[in-house]
Amino acid sequence: GVSTESGIPDYRSQGGIWDKFQPVYLDEFLSDERKRMLYWQQKKALWQGIKEATLSKAHIFFKELYADGKLLGLITQNIDGLHEKSGLPRDAIINLHGTNLEVICLDCGDITPAHETMDDLNLDNGAPLCSKCGGLSKPNTISFGQNLNTGDLKRAERMSLSCDLMIAAGSTLVVHPAASFPLIAKNNGALLAIITQSGLAYAFLLSVV
């Protein structure tokens, strides 16, 4: 929800990304060229909007908190890279679901800026391959059926245990493990502020007060 003001549709509201695109699971991506093509076609359709998206008031707000020395860090499920574009340093951001600003080779692990692949992406010859080893390339995001990075999860838990106040902004708070971090913070004595239009998140709030 934080990026909807920037023109990027959310995932679960009516008309969101789940309504428009068929999910491609990681095992399908790895084993089926047709599914790889579908995945890349979806990413190509979304790329221009991601590339041209401007910062929302929420992105600016968190950057200003950081500049004032009041933001310990930011945990996000968003993959649009707008928190990075706001000027927040990368080491202050935990991208639980990865980022569309990078492309990774699933074989050799090489990471390149996404624009090098996406700006002139031509799928006539098949899905993109790594320029270094010829392995399968993929935007550096977490796909359905793919485990989250354990290092990121541990960092997010430490951050949740270290804060005095946690702000949960724009989230439905239904996707775990991300939805567990506000509860971890609250149970450790932190104040919890939930800012959202989602009735599901309000139900979460009622369950923890």
Protein backbone atom coordinates (compact mmCIF):
# COMPACT_ATOMS: atom_id res chain seq x y z
CA GLY A 1 0.00 0.00 0.00
CA VAL A 2 2.93 2.39 0.53
CA SER A 3 3.63 2.52 -3.22
CA THR A 4 0.08 2.83 -4.59
CA GLU A 5 0.40 6.63 -4.48
CA SER A 6 3.44 6.17 -6.72
CA GLY A 7 1.30 4.46 -9.36
CA ILE A 8 2.30 0.88 -8.52
CA PRO A 9 -0.72 -1.38 -7.91
CA ASP A 10 -0.84 -3.38 -4.72
CA TYR A 11 -1.13 -7.15 -4.63
CA ARG A 12 -4.33 -8.08 -2.86
CA SER A 13 -6.89 -5.34 -3.51
CA GLN A 14 -9.38 -5.68 -6.34
CA GLY A 15 -7.59 -4.79 -9.56
CA GLY A 16 -4.20 -5.47 -7.97
CA ILE A 17 -1.42 -7.57 -9.42
CA TRP A 18 -2.95 -10.86 -8.29
CA ASP A 19 -6.02 -10.07 -10.42
CA LYS A 20 -3.92 -9.41 -13.52
CA PHE A 21 -1.10 -11.94 -13.53
CA GLN A 22 -0.86 -15.68 -13.07
CA PRO A 23 1.75 -16.53 -10.42
CA VAL A 24 4.75 -18.50 -11.64
CA TYR A 25 6.28 -20.75 -8.98
CA LEU A 26 10.03 -21.17 -8.72
CA ASP A 27 9.98 -24.85 -9.66
CA GLU A 28 7.95 -23.97 -12.77
CA PHE A 29 10.42 -21.23 -13.67
CA LEU A 30 13.31 -23.67 -13.36
CA SER A 31 11.76 -26.55 -15.27
CA ASP A 32 9.46 -25.07 -17.93
CA GLU A 33 10.56 -22.61 -20.63
CA ARG A 34 6.95 -21.59 -21.25
CA LYS A 35 6.58 -20.62 -17.60
CA ARG A 36 9.88 -18.73 -17.73
CA MET A 37 8.59 -16.80 -20.72
CA LEU A 38 5.32 -16.03 -18.94
CA TYR A 39 7.26 -14.81 -15.90
CA TRP A 40 9.46 -12.52 -18.00
CA GLN A 41 6.46 -11.23 -19.97
CA GLN A 42 4.86 -10.22 -16.68
CA LYS A 43 8.04 -8.53 -15.47
CA LYS A 44 8.38 -6.70 -18.78
CA ALA A 45 4.79 -5.45 -18.51
CA LEU A 46 5.49 -4.07 -15.02
CA TRP A 47 8.97 -2.67 -15.68
CA GLN A 48 8.10 0.68 -17.22
CA GLY A 49 5.78 1.51 -14.33
CA ILE A 50 8.48 0.60 -11.82
CA LYS A 51 11.11 2.56 -13.72
CA GLU A 52 8.98 5.71 -13.94
CA ALA A 53 7.40 5.54 -10.47
CA THR A 54 7.95 8.58 -8.28
CA LEU A 55 8.29 8.67 -4.53
CA SER A 56 5.17 8.79 -2.37
CA LYS A 57 4.80 10.83 0.80
CA ALA A 58 5.41 7.62 2.75
CA HIS A 59 8.79 7.01 1.11
CA ILE A 60 9.81 10.60 1.84
CA PHE A 61 8.54 10.34 5.43
CA PHE A 62 10.75 7.36 6.24
CA LYS A 63 13.75 8.96 4.56
CA GLU A 64 13.24 12.08 6.69
CA LEU A 65 12.99 9.97 9.84
CA TYR A 66 16.32 8.40 8.92
CA ALA A 67 17.89 11.79 8.23
CA ASP A 68 16.73 12.94 11.68
CA GLY A 69 18.39 9.93 13.29
CA LYS A 70 15.05 8.44 14.34
CA LEU A 71 14.82 5.43 12.01
CA LEU A 72 16.64 2.29 13.07
CA GLY A 73 15.82 0.59 9.79
CA LEU A 74 13.07 -0.37 7.40
CA ILE A 75 11.59 -3.82 6.76
CA THR A 76 9.66 -4.07 3.51
CA GLN A 77 7.88 -6.61 1.35
CA ASN A 78 7.82 -4.17 -1.57
CA ILE A 79 10.02 -5.06 -4.54
CA ASP A 80 9.80 -1.77 -6.45
CA GLY A 81 13.02 -0.25 -5.07
CA LEU A 82 11.40 3.06 -4.19
CA HIS A 83 12.81 3.08 -0.67
CA GLU A 84 16.29 2.90 -2.23
CA LYS A 85 15.37 5.68 -4.64
CA SER A 86 14.29 7.86 -1.70
CA GLY A 87 17.90 7.94 -0.56
CA LEU A 88 17.70 5.44 2.28
CA PRO A 89 21.02 3.56 2.36
CA ARG A 90 20.82 -0.07 1.33
CA ASP A 91 22.12 -1.29 4.67
CA ALA A 92 19.13 0.35 6.41
CA ILE A 93 16.62 -1.56 4.23
CA ILE A 94 15.64 -5.20 4.58
CA ASN A 95 13.99 -6.29 1.33
CA LEU A 96 12.27 -9.45 2.52
CA HIS A 97 10.96 -10.24 -0.96
CA GLY A 98 13.98 -8.96 -2.87
CA THR A 99 14.10 -6.14 -5.41
CA ASN A 100 13.16 -5.58 -9.04
CA LEU A 101 16.15 -3.23 -9.34
CA GLU A 102 18.48 -6.23 -9.76
CA VAL A 103 18.74 -9.33 -11.94
CA ILE A 104 20.51 -12.40 -10.54
CA CYS A 105 21.93 -15.48 -12.21
CA LEU A 106 20.53 -18.56 -10.48
CA ASP A 107 23.65 -20.52 -11.40
CA CYS A 108 26.69 -18.35 -10.70
CA GLY A 109 24.99 -15.74 -8.48
CA ASP A 110 26.11 -12.73 -10.55
CA ILE A 111 23.95 -9.66 -9.85
CA THR A 112 23.49 -6.83 -12.36
CA PRO A 113 21.34 -3.67 -12.39
CA ALA A 114 17.89 -4.55 -13.75
CA HIS A 115 17.85 -1.78 -16.34
CA GLU A 116 20.67 -3.49 -18.21
CA THR A 117 18.31 -6.40 -18.91
CA MET A 118 14.88 -4.79 -18.82
CA ASP A 119 15.25 -1.60 -20.86
CA ASP A 120 15.76 -3.43 -24.16
CA LEU A 121 14.31 -6.81 -23.24
CA ASN A 122 13.49 -8.87 -26.34
CA LEU A 123 11.86 -12.22 -25.64
CA ASP A 124 11.78 -13.37 -29.26
CA ASN A 125 14.81 -15.59 -28.61
CA GLY A 126 13.61 -16.92 -25.26
CA ALA A 127 14.11 -15.98 -21.63
CA PRO A 128 17.29 -14.03 -20.75
CA LEU A 129 20.43 -15.93 -19.78
CA CYS A 130 23.43 -14.83 -17.73
CA SER A 131 26.04 -13.04 -19.83
CA LYS A 132 28.84 -14.56 -17.73
CA CYS A 133 27.94 -18.26 -17.47
CA GLY A 134 24.84 -18.78 -19.61
CA GLY A 135 22.74 -19.78 -16.61
CA LEU A 136 19.13 -18.84 -15.93
CA SER A 137 18.64 -15.18 -15.06
CA LYS A 138 15.79 -13.84 -12.98
CA PRO A 139 14.85 -10.57 -11.30
CA ASN A 140 16.30 -10.70 -7.78
CA THR A 141 12.92 -11.14 -6.11
CA ILE A 142 11.46 -13.97 -4.08
CA SER A 143 9.20 -16.12 -6.25
CA PHE A 144 6.25 -18.19 -5.10
CA GLY A 145 7.63 -21.41 -3.62
CA GLN A 146 11.02 -19.83 -2.88
CA ASN A 147 12.36 -19.51 0.67
CA LEU A 148 13.09 -16.09 2.09
CA ASN A 149 16.69 -15.19 2.89
CA THR A 150 17.41 -16.41 6.41
CA GLY A 151 19.92 -13.61 6.99
CA ASP A 152 17.28 -11.00 6.17
CA LEU A 153 14.80 -12.67 8.51
CA LYS A 154 17.30 -12.67 11.38
CA ARG A 155 18.14 -9.00 10.77
CA ALA A 156 14.42 -8.13 10.76
CA GLU A 157 13.89 -9.98 14.02
CA ARG A 158 16.85 -8.19 15.67
CA MET A 159 15.51 -4.85 14.43
CA SER A 160 12.04 -5.66 15.79
CA LEU A 161 13.53 -6.46 19.19
CA SER A 162 15.59 -3.25 19.23
CA CYS A 163 12.98 -0.62 18.38
CA ASP A 164 10.96 1.64 20.69
CA LEU A 165 8.21 2.18 18.11
CA MET A 166 7.25 0.13 15.07
CA ILE A 167 5.17 1.67 12.27
CA ALA A 168 3.36 -0.85 10.07
CA ALA A 169 2.36 1.17 7.01
CA GLY A 170 0.24 0.02 4.08
CA SER A 171 0.32 -3.68 4.90
CA THR A 172 -2.57 -6.11 5.27
CA LEU A 173 -0.47 -7.91 7.90
CA VAL A 174 -1.61 -11.32 6.69
CA VAL A 175 1.57 -12.59 5.00
CA HIS A 176 4.01 -14.34 7.29
CA PRO A 177 6.71 -14.17 8.43
CA ALA A 178 6.58 -10.40 7.75
CA ALA A 179 3.33 -10.04 9.69
CA SER A 180 5.02 -11.45 12.79
CA PHE A 181 7.51 -8.60 13.21
CA PRO A 182 5.03 -6.00 14.57
CA LEU A 183 3.93 -8.57 17.13
CA ILE A 184 7.55 -9.31 18.08
CA ALA A 185 8.16 -5.60 18.61
CA LYS A 186 5.00 -5.09 20.66
CA ASN A 187 5.64 -8.14 22.83
CA ASN A 188 9.10 -6.74 23.55
CA GLY A 189 7.64 -3.49 24.87
CA ALA A 190 7.65 -1.31 21.75
CA LEU A 191 4.75 0.90 20.77
CA LEU A 192 2.96 -0.22 17.59
CA ALA A 193 1.31 2.09 15.06
CA ILE A 194 -0.65 0.55 12.16
CA ILE A 195 -1.47 2.83 9.23
CA THR A 196 -3.54 1.12 6.55
CA GLN A 197 -6.86 0.95 4.71
CA SER A 198 -7.04 -2.82 5.14
CA GLY A 199 -9.73 -4.29 7.35
CA LEU A 200 -7.53 -7.35 7.73
CA ALA A 201 -4.87 -5.25 9.40
CA TYR A 202 -7.43 -3.76 11.76
CA ALA A 203 -8.40 -7.30 12.73
CA PHE A 204 -4.71 -7.95 13.43
CA LEU A 205 -4.60 -4.85 15.64
CA LEU A 206 -7.63 -6.00 17.64
CA SER A 207 -5.96 -9.37 18.17
CA VAL A 208 -2.87 -7.88 19.80
CA VAL A 209 -4.25 -5.04 21.93
